[in-house]
Structures are given as structure tokens and as C-alpha cells.
C-alpha atoms as a PDB file:
ATOM      1  CA  THR A   1      -1.937  -8.416 -26.577  1.00  0.00           C
ATOM      2  CA  GLU A   2      -4.461 -10.075 -24.016  1.00  0.00           C
ATOM      3  CA  ILE A   3      -5.144 -12.933 -21.785  1.00  0.00           C
ATOM      4  CA  VAL A   4      -8.729 -13.536 -21.182  1.00  0.00           C
ATOM      5  CA  GLU A   5     -10.407 -16.241 -18.589  1.00  0.00           C
ATOM      6  CA  SER A   6      -7.017 -18.294 -18.744  1.00  0.00           C
ATOM      7  CA  CYS A   7      -4.227 -19.432 -16.738  1.00  0.00           C
ATOM      8  CA  SER A   8      -5.489 -21.209 -13.556  1.00  0.00           C
ATOM      9  CA  GLY A   9      -3.283 -22.887 -10.902  1.00  0.00           C
ATOM     10  CA  ASN A  10      -0.759 -21.997  -8.256  1.00  0.00           C
ATOM     11  CA  TYR A  11       1.981 -19.849 -10.006  1.00  0.00           C
ATOM     12  CA  ALA A  12      -0.353 -19.652 -12.983  1.00  0.00           C
ATOM     13  CA  CYS A  13       0.875 -16.371 -14.492  1.00  0.00           C
ATOM     14  CA  SER A  14       4.208 -15.870 -12.402  1.00  0.00           C
ATOM     15  CA  GLU A  15       6.871 -14.203 -14.159  1.00  0.00           C
ATOM     16  CA  ALA A  16       4.765 -13.812 -17.319  1.00  0.00           C
ATOM     17  CA  THR A  17       6.574 -10.758 -18.670  1.00  0.00           C
ATOM     18  CA  ARG A  18      10.025 -11.237 -16.931  1.00  0.00           C
ATOM     19  CA  GLU A  19      13.000  -9.458 -18.510  1.00  0.00           C
ATOM     20  CA  TYR A  20      11.074  -6.798 -20.766  1.00  0.00           C
ATOM     21  CA  GLY A  21       7.968  -8.896 -21.941  1.00  0.00           C
ATOM     22  CA  SER A  22       4.649  -7.043 -22.183  1.00  0.00           C
ATOM     23  CA  ILE A  23       1.002  -8.089 -21.995  1.00  0.00           C
ATOM     24  CA  GLY A  24      -1.718  -5.524 -23.007  1.00  0.00           C
ATOM     25  CA  LEU A  25      -4.603  -6.791 -20.828  1.00  0.00           C
ATOM     26  CA  ILE A  26      -5.172  -9.591 -18.318  1.00  0.00           C
ATOM     27  CA  THR A  27      -8.779 -10.119 -17.361  1.00  0.00           C
ATOM     28  CA  GLY A  28     -10.643 -12.971 -15.604  1.00  0.00           C
ATOM     29  CA  SER A  29      -7.531 -14.929 -15.442  1.00  0.00           C
ATOM     30  CA  CYS A  30      -4.455 -16.074 -13.317  1.00  0.00           C
ATOM     31  CA  VAL A  31      -6.314 -17.850 -10.433  1.00  0.00           C
ATOM     32  CA  GLY A  32      -4.360 -19.680  -7.734  1.00  0.00           C
ATOM     33  CA  ASN A  33      -1.930 -19.042  -4.915  1.00  0.00           C
ATOM     34  CA  PHE A  34       1.020 -17.052  -6.120  1.00  0.00           C
ATOM     35  CA  SER A  35      -0.853 -16.831  -9.351  1.00  0.00           C
ATOM     36  CA  CYS A  36       0.708 -13.399 -10.322  1.00  0.00           C
ATOM     37  CA  TYR A  37       4.067 -13.616  -8.468  1.00  0.00           C
ATOM     38  CA  TYR A  38       6.834 -11.656 -10.178  1.00  0.00           C
ATOM     39  CA  LEU A  39       4.162 -10.798 -12.905  1.00  0.00           C
ATOM     40  CA  ALA A  40       6.119  -7.938 -14.400  1.00  0.00           C
ATOM     41  CA  GLN A  41       9.362  -8.528 -12.652  1.00  0.00           C
ATOM     42  CA  GLY A  42      12.635  -7.415 -14.172  1.00  0.00           C
ATOM     43  CA  GLY A  43      11.621  -4.858 -16.514  1.00  0.00           C
ATOM     44  CA  GLY A  44       8.294  -6.493 -17.710  1.00  0.00           C
ATOM     45  CA  TYR A  45       5.214  -4.262 -18.698  1.00  0.00           C
ATOM     46  CA  ILE A  46       1.426  -5.028 -18.088  1.00  0.00           C
ATOM     47  CA  THR A  47      -1.009  -2.367 -19.174  1.00  0.00           C
ATOM     48  CA  GLU A  48      -3.989  -3.582 -17.020  1.00  0.00           C
ATOM     49  CA  VAL A  49      -4.882  -6.369 -14.726  1.00  0.00           C
ATOM     50  CA  VAL A  50      -8.700  -6.724 -14.192  1.00  0.00           C
ATOM     51  CA  ASP A  51     -10.720  -9.217 -12.354  1.00  0.00           C
ATOM     52  CA  SER A  52      -7.590 -11.524 -12.022  1.00  0.00           C
ATOM     53  CA  CYS A  53      -4.905 -12.843  -9.727  1.00  0.00           C
ATOM     54  CA  LEU A  54      -6.925 -14.526  -7.096  1.00  0.00           C
ATOM     55  CA  GLY A  55      -5.339 -16.518  -4.265  1.00  0.00           C
ATOM     56  CA  ASP A  56      -2.993 -15.901  -1.390  1.00  0.00           C
ATOM     57  CA  ASP A  57       0.081 -13.884  -2.223  1.00  0.00           C
ATOM     58  CA  ALA A  58      -1.246 -13.606  -5.689  1.00  0.00           C
ATOM     59  CA  CYS A  59       0.431 -10.400  -6.657  1.00  0.00           C
ATOM     60  CA  LEU A  60       3.299 -10.667  -4.429  1.00  0.00           C
ATOM     61  CA  ALA A  61       6.162  -8.800  -5.852  1.00  0.00           C
ATOM     62  CA  ALA A  62       4.151  -8.342  -8.984  1.00  0.00           C
ATOM     63  CA  ALA A  63       6.226  -5.415 -10.464  1.00  0.00           C
ATOM     64  CA  LEU A  64       9.464  -6.139  -8.355  1.00  0.00           C
ATOM     65  CA  TYR A  65      12.637  -4.747  -9.829  1.00  0.00           C
ATOM     66  CA  TYR A  66      11.751  -2.146 -12.422  1.00  0.00           C
ATOM     67  CA  GLY A  67       8.588  -3.804 -13.447  1.00  0.00           C
ATOM     68  CA  THR A  68       5.602  -1.674 -14.503  1.00  0.00           C
ATOM     69  CA  ILE A  69       1.936  -2.236 -14.228  1.00  0.00           C
ATOM     70  CA  GLY A  70      -0.511   0.597 -15.429  1.00  0.00           C
ATOM     71  CA  LEU A  71      -3.771  -0.410 -13.567  1.00  0.00           C
ATOM     72  CA  ILE A  72      -4.629  -3.183 -11.218  1.00  0.00           C
ATOM     73  CA  THR A  73      -8.543  -3.292 -10.611  1.00  0.00           C
ATOM     74  CA  ARG A  74     -10.831  -5.691  -8.840  1.00  0.00           C
ATOM     75  CA  SER A  75      -7.861  -8.062  -8.453  1.00  0.00           C
ATOM     76  CA  CYS A  76      -5.203  -9.632  -6.180  1.00  0.00           C
ATOM     77  CA  VAL A  77      -7.596 -11.083  -3.396  1.00  0.00           C
ATOM     78  CA  GLY A  78      -5.907 -13.132  -0.738  1.00  0.00           C
ATOM     79  CA  HIS A  79      -3.779 -13.001   2.272  1.00  0.00           C
ATOM     80  CA  GLY A  80      -0.623 -10.757   1.525  1.00  0.00           C
ATOM     81  CA  ALA A  81      -2.117 -10.454  -2.000  1.00  0.00           C
ATOM     82  CA  CYS A  82      -0.209  -7.216  -2.980  1.00  0.00           C
ATOM     83  CA  GLY A  83       2.766  -7.605  -0.648  1.00  0.00           C
ATOM     84  CA  ARG A  84       5.783  -6.042  -2.026  1.00  0.00           C
ATOM     85  CA  ALA A  85       3.949  -5.345  -5.356  1.00  0.00           C
ATOM     86  CA  ALA A  86       6.048  -2.484  -6.511  1.00  0.00           C
ATOM     87  CA  HIS A  87       9.019  -3.271  -4.392  1.00  0.00           C
ATOM     88  CA  ASP A  88      12.636  -2.612  -5.355  1.00  0.00           C
ATOM     89  CA  SER A  89      11.991   0.257  -7.833  1.00  0.00           C
ATOM     90  CA  GLY A  90       8.922  -1.359  -9.446  1.00  0.00           C
ATOM     91  CA  ASN A  91       6.171   0.990 -10.616  1.00  0.00           C
ATOM     92  CA  ILE A  92       2.277   0.689 -10.285  1.00  0.00           C
ATOM     93  CA  ALA A  93       0.342   3.655 -11.666  1.00  0.00           C
ATOM     94  CA  GLU A  94      -2.977   2.718  -9.945  1.00  0.00           C
ATOM     95  CA  ILE A  95      -4.546  -0.004  -7.533  1.00  0.00           C
ATOM     96  CA  VAL A  96      -8.366   0.418  -7.442  1.00  0.00           C
ATOM     97  CA  LEU A  97     -10.736  -2.178  -5.660  1.00  0.00           C
ATOM     98  CA  SER A  98      -7.966  -4.644  -5.052  1.00  0.00           C
ATOM     99  CA  CYS A  99      -5.531  -6.339  -2.691  1.00  0.00           C
ATOM    100  CA  SER A 100      -7.944  -7.644   0.061  1.00  0.00           C
ATOM    101  CA  LYS A 101      -7.136  -9.734   3.305  1.00  0.00           C
ATOM    102  CA  ASP A 102      -4.564  -9.359   6.088  1.00  0.00           C
ATOM    103  CA  TYR A 103      -1.266  -7.644   5.076  1.00  0.00           C
ATOM    104  CA  ALA A 104      -2.614  -7.078   1.788  1.00  0.00           C
ATOM    105  CA  CYS A 105      -0.289  -4.181   0.763  1.00  0.00           C
ATOM    106  CA  GLU A 106       2.511  -4.704   3.116  1.00  0.00           C
ATOM    107  CA  GLU A 107       5.604  -3.003   1.725  1.00  0.00           C
ATOM    108  CA  ALA A 108       3.765  -2.495  -1.541  1.00  0.00           C
ATOM    109  CA  ALA A 109       6.155   0.361  -2.508  1.00  0.00           C
ATOM    110  CA  GLY A 110       8.989  -0.542  -0.253  1.00  0.00           C
ATOM    111  CA  ASN A 111      12.599  -0.153  -1.253  1.00  0.00           C
ATOM    112  CA  TYR A 112      12.201   2.722  -3.674  1.00  0.00           C
ATOM    113  CA  GLY A 113       9.068   1.330  -5.304  1.00  0.00           C
ATOM    114  CA  VAL A 114       6.411   3.827  -6.721  1.00  0.00           C
ATOM    115  CA  ILE A 115       2.738   3.560  -6.473  1.00  0.00           C
ATOM    116  CA  GLY A 116       0.695   6.450  -7.941  1.00  0.00           C
ATOM    117  CA  SER A 117      -2.705   5.915  -6.330  1.00  0.00           C
ATOM    118  CA  ILE A 118      -4.225   3.294  -3.929  1.00  0.00           C
ATOM    119  CA  SER A 119      -7.996   3.655  -4.020  1.00  0.00           C
ATOM    120  CA  ARG A 120     -10.712   1.719  -2.089  1.00  0.00           C
ATOM    121  CA  SER A 121      -8.287  -1.227  -1.609  1.00  0.00           C
ATOM    122  CA  CYS A 122      -6.028  -2.892   0.949  1.00  0.00           C
ATOM    123  CA  VAL A 123      -8.252  -4.212   3.475  1.00  0.00           C
ATOM    124  CA  GLY A 124      -7.277  -6.303   6.518  1.00  0.00           C
ATOM    125  CA  HIS A 125      -5.122  -6.443   9.564  1.00  0.00           C
ATOM    126  CA  GLY A 126      -1.888  -4.553   8.844  1.00  0.00           C
ATOM    127  CA  ALA A 127      -3.223  -3.994   5.323  1.00  0.00           C
ATOM    128  CA  CYS A 128      -0.745  -1.121   4.344  1.00  0.00           C
ATOM    129  CA  PHE A 129       1.897  -1.979   6.971  1.00  0.00           C
ATOM    130  CA  LEU A 130       5.320  -0.436   5.893  1.00  0.00           C
ATOM    131  CA  ALA A 131       3.673   0.519   2.572  1.00  0.00           C
ATOM    132  CA  ALA A 132       6.176   2.915   1.429  1.00  0.00           C
ATOM    133  CA  TYR A 133       9.157   1.568   3.663  1.00  0.00           C
ATOM    134  CA  ASP A 134      12.662   2.310   2.862  1.00  0.00           C
ATOM    135  CA  GLY A 135      12.481   5.043   0.322  1.00  0.00           C
ATOM    136  CA  GLY A 136       9.157   4.117  -1.185  1.00  0.00           C
ATOM    137  CA  ASN A 137       6.776   6.639  -2.646  1.00  0.00           C
ATOM    138  CA  ILE A 138       2.970   6.616  -2.897  1.00  0.00           C
ATOM    139  CA  THR A 139       1.267   9.714  -4.211  1.00  0.00           C
ATOM    140  CA  GLU A 140      -2.117   9.211  -2.597  1.00  0.00           C
ATOM    141  CA  ILE A 141      -4.179   6.720  -0.577  1.00  0.00           C
ATOM    142  CA  VAL A 142      -7.753   7.192  -0.853  1.00  0.00           C
ATOM    143  CA  GLU A 143     -10.541   5.393   1.156  1.00  0.00           C
ATOM    144  CA  SER A 144      -8.112   2.357   1.560  1.00  0.00           C
ATOM    145  CA  CYS A 145      -6.126   0.412   4.272  1.00  0.00           C
ATOM    146  CA  SER A 146      -8.819  -0.795   6.816  1.00  0.00           C
ATOM    147  CA  GLY A 147      -7.897  -2.914   9.872  1.00  0.00           C
ATOM    148  CA  ASN A 148      -5.815  -2.776  13.064  1.00  0.00           C
ATOM    149  CA  TYR A 149      -2.348  -1.441  12.482  1.00  0.00           C
ATOM    150  CA  ALA A 150      -3.467  -0.747   8.886  1.00  0.00           C
ATOM    151  CA  CYS A 151      -1.052   2.015   8.132  1.00  0.00           C
ATOM    152  CA  SER A 152       1.386   1.587  10.869  1.00  0.00           C
ATOM    153  CA  GLU A 153       5.057   2.311   9.890  1.00  0.00           C
ATOM    154  CA  ALA A 154       3.740   3.267   6.215  1.00  0.00           C
ATOM    155  CA  THR A 155       6.789   5.536   5.525  1.00  0.00           C
ATOM    156  CA  ARG A 156       9.349   4.142   7.886  1.00  0.00           C
ATOM    157  CA  GLU A 157      13.052   4.916   6.863  1.00  0.00           C
ATOM    158  CA  TYR A 158      12.569   7.842   4.461  1.00  0.00           C
ATOM    159  CA  GLY A 159       9.436   6.718   2.579  1.00  0.00           C
ATOM    160  CA  SER A 160       6.861   9.432   1.366  1.00  0.00           C
ATOM    161  CA  ILE A 161       3.255   9.477   0.899  1.00  0.00           C
ATOM    162  CA  GLY A 162       1.514  12.669  -0.524  1.00  0.00           C
ATOM    163  CA  LEU A 163      -1.966  12.491   0.720  1.00  0.00           C
ATOM    164  CA  ILE A 164      -3.852   9.979   2.998  1.00  0.00           C
ATOM    165  CA  THR A 165      -7.680  10.734   2.909  1.00  0.00           C
ATOM    166  CA  GLY A 166     -10.626   8.739   4.152  1.00  0.00           C
ATOM    167  CA  SER A 167      -8.164   5.764   5.080  1.00  0.00           C
ATOM    168  CA  CYS A 168      -6.457   3.808   7.840  1.00  0.00           C
ATOM    169  CA  VAL A 169      -9.260   2.766  10.000  1.00  0.00           C
ATOM    170  CA  GLY A 170      -8.586   0.606  13.045  1.00  0.00           C
ATOM    171  CA  ASN A 171      -6.796   0.545  16.215  1.00  0.00           C
ATOM    172  CA  PHE A 172      -3.061   1.713  16.037  1.00  0.00           C
ATOM    173  CA  SER A 173      -3.980   2.310  12.519  1.00  0.00           C
ATOM    174  CA  CYS A 174      -1.485   5.209  12.057  1.00  0.00           C
ATOM    175  CA  TYR A 175       1.073   4.133  14.731  1.00  0.00           C
ATOM    176  CA  TYR A 176       4.732   4.964  13.857  1.00  0.00           C
ATOM    177  CA  LEU A 177       3.048   6.407  10.426  1.00  0.00           C
ATOM    178  CA  ALA A 178       6.130   8.609   9.568  1.00  0.00           C
ATOM    179  CA  GLN A 179       8.647   7.203  12.039  1.00  0.00           C
ATOM    180  CA  GLY A 180      12.310   7.076  11.481  1.00  0.00           C
ATOM    181  CA  GLY A 181      12.568   9.901   8.778  1.00  0.00           C
ATOM    182  CA  GLY A 182       9.365   9.075   6.757  1.00  0.00           C
ATOM    183  CA  TYR A 183       7.314  12.006   5.358  1.00  0.00           C
ATOM    184  CA  ILE A 184       3.585  12.598   4.923  1.00  0.00           C
ATOM    185  CA  THR A 185       2.221  15.644   3.277  1.00  0.00           C
ATOM    186  CA  GLU A 186      -1.376  15.562   4.514  1.00  0.00           C
ATOM    187  CA  VAL A 187      -3.724  13.341   6.490  1.00  0.00           C
ATOM    188  CA  VAL A 188      -7.294  14.023   6.067  1.00  0.00           C
ATOM    189  CA  ASP A 189     -10.452  12.172   7.521  1.00  0.00           C
ATOM    190  CA  SER A 190      -8.142   9.200   8.419  1.00  0.00           C
ATOM    191  CA  CYS A 191      -6.522   7.193  11.256  1.00  0.00           C
ATOM    192  CA  LEU A 192      -9.650   6.374  13.383  1.00  0.00           C
ATOM    193  CA  GLY A 193      -9.257   3.956  16.280  1.00  0.00           C
ATOM    194  CA  ASP A 194      -7.762   3.669  19.864  1.00  0.00           C
ATOM    195  CA  ASP A 195      -4.081   4.973  19.773  1.00  0.00           C
ATOM    196  CA  ALA A 196      -4.613   5.653  16.052  1.00  0.00           C
ATOM    197  CA  CYS A 197      -1.730   8.298  15.734  1.00  0.00           C
ATOM    198  CA  LEU A 198       0.371   7.133  18.650  1.00  0.00           C
ATOM    199  CA  ALA A 199       3.790   8.205  17.990  1.00  0.00           C
ATOM    200  CA  ALA A 200       3.011   8.905  14.486  1.00  0.00           C
ATOM    201  CA  ALA A 201       6.079  11.226  13.591  1.00  0.00           C
ATOM    202  CA  LEU A 202       8.262   9.628  16.171  1.00  0.00           C
ATOM    203  CA  TYR A 203      12.033   9.945  15.747  1.00  0.00           C
ATOM    204  CA  TYR A 204      12.527  12.375  12.963  1.00  0.00           C
ATOM    205  CA  GLY A 205       9.334  11.792  11.049  1.00  0.00           C
ATOM    206  CA  THR A 206       7.413  14.696   9.395  1.00  0.00           C
ATOM    207  CA  ILE A 207       3.794  15.186   8.782  1.00  0.00           C
ATOM    208  CA  GLY A 208       2.587  18.369   7.237  1.00  0.00           C
ATOM    209  CA  LEU A 209      -1.259  18.656   8.224  1.00  0.00           C
ATOM    210  CA  ILE A 210      -3.379  16.401  10.023  1.00  0.00           C
ATOM    211  CA  THR A 211      -7.014  17.313   9.821  1.00  0.00           C
ATOM    212  CA  ARG A 212     -10.427  15.756  11.018  1.00  0.00           C
ATOM    213  CA  SER A 213      -8.283  12.660  11.851  1.00  0.00           C
ATOM    214  CA  CYS A 214      -6.845  10.703  14.503  1.00  0.00           C
ATOM    215  CA  VAL A 215     -10.035   9.776  16.581  1.00  0.00           C
ATOM    216  CA  GLY A 216      -9.874   7.310  19.499  1.00  0.00           C
ATOM    217  CA  HIS A 217      -8.521   6.918  23.036  1.00  0.00           C
ATOM    218  CA  GLY A 218      -5.096   8.149  23.134  1.00  0.00           C
ATOM    219  CA  ALA A 219      -5.186   9.066  19.525  1.00  0.00           C
ATOM    220  CA  CYS A 220      -2.382  11.435  19.425  1.00  0.00           C
ATOM    221  CA  GLY A 221      -0.150  10.388  22.203  1.00  0.00           C
ATOM    222  CA  ARG A 222       3.450  11.057  21.591  1.00  0.00           C
ATOM    223  CA  ALA A 223       2.577  12.146  18.062  1.00  0.00           C
ATOM    224  CA  ALA A 224       5.913  14.101  17.362  1.00  0.00           C
ATOM    225  CA  HIS A 225       7.805  12.494  20.186  1.00  0.00           C
ATOM    226  CA  ASP A 226      11.674  12.213  19.953  1.00  0.00           C
ATOM    227  CA  SER A 227      12.392  14.933  17.433  1.00  0.00           C
ATOM    228  CA  GLY A 228       9.361  14.312  15.225  1.00  0.00           C
ATOM    229  CA  ASN A 229       7.710  17.240  13.244  1.00  0.00           C
ATOM    230  CA  ILE A 230       4.140  17.789  12.682  1.00  0.00           C
ATOM    231  CA  ALA A 231       3.463  21.281  11.162  1.00  0.00           C
ATOM    232  CA  GLU A 232      -0.293  21.564  11.980  1.00  0.00           C
ATOM    233  CA  ILE A 233      -3.051  19.543  13.772  1.00  0.00           C
ATOM    234  CA  VAL A 234      -6.674  20.843  13.137  1.00  0.00           C
ATOM    235  CA  LEU A 235     -10.047  19.402  14.412  1.00  0.00           C
ATOM    236  CA  SER A 236      -8.172  16.161  15.408  1.00  0.00           C
ATOM    237  CA  CYS A 237      -7.148  14.060  18.240  1.00  0.00           C
ATOM    238  CA  SER A 238     -10.402  13.272  20.039  1.00  0.00           C
ATOM    239  CA  LYS A 239     -11.222  11.205  23.137  1.00  0.00           C
END
């Protein structure tokens, strides 16, 4: 039912629910590099991860291959901490106040993974790089993904993100955002920094609305270049 203030050391909780196992709550636990690696891999199920999984690559591929995690909060801190977290058809309902340091959420929902909401999370260089790559889906990114190249190539290769708001702050932060067939419904108060939205919808990418976003030198240069599509740009693209 629960793991409380337990499981310390590298790989401490790795593969904990592999092959359809389940854990109700993990709190104050799983400390060490790769500590929650493959945590719910292969059909495992975790209801909640709180104040846990601390170390480099801590939540790497945590819900890989049809794994499910309900909520990750104040957890997964370290370089690449949430990389490929829901990769390969995994599912994470919500990530809150989690996933810090460079490349924290790289390919988090890649290869048809699903993440409902990323909120106040994913901080560092390239934090949400390729976040919904290759058919992945993220419903919303809210006040998250800070650092240079933070959201670059986020939906590359037919990934999709519903809403990006108050997010993606840094130079080149939304570079190639929907490149190569990616789809973004709405970008609001986001993508702040030089060249922030450079080539954002390049090569058949699609963005519905960009509003109060893309602020910085050359911010919207080549935004819909090479058969890209942006429906509307409002109060955006400054400097």
C-alpha cells in the first residue's frame, strides 16, 4: 500500500512495480541515482509519488511501456530526472513541482506516451526538449520548462500539446516547437528569449494561436517557414 521514508541507494526503487504490480503511495523515499528508474515499467501502477526519487536520472523511463503513475509531486530531482518518464505508451496524469536540472523532462511523453499536466516543473537547459516527440501527447504545460532550448522540438514528429502557458523561458526556448508535423493548440504568455520562436512550426508543423508570446531578438523568425502553419499571432513577436 505505501512506502514511507525508505529505499535509499542507487537504483533503490527501480522496477518496483514491473509487470502489473502496484504501490499506493511513495513518500520521502527512493534516494539515489536511477532511484525510480523503470518504476512502473511494463504495466505497473503507482498512485502517487511525493517528495521522492532524488538523484540523477531518478525517474528516467519511470512509466515506460504501458506503466501508469497518477501524480508526481515535489519529486524527481537531478540531471535528466524525468527523461522519457512516460515514454513508449506510458501514462502520467500529473507532474507538479518536480523534475529539476538540465534535460529534466527530455522526451518525457515520447513515442506515444501521455502526460496530462506538467505544472511548475522541468527546470534547466533543454528541460522539455522533445517532450512529446514521436506521437506523444501532453494536455498542458503550465509555468514550466525554463532554460535555453527549454521547449525546443517539443512536438517533433507528430507529437501534440494542447496548451502551453507561462512556460518555455530562455533563448531558443520554442525553437522548432512543432517542427516536422507536430501540433500545438495554443501558446500563451510563453516562449520568452532571443530567437524564442525561431522556425517554431517549420516543415509542416501546426500552431493554432500564439498570444502574448515569443518576445526577444528575432523571436518569430521563419516561424511558419517551409510549409508550416500558424493560424493566428496576437500581441506577440517583439524586438
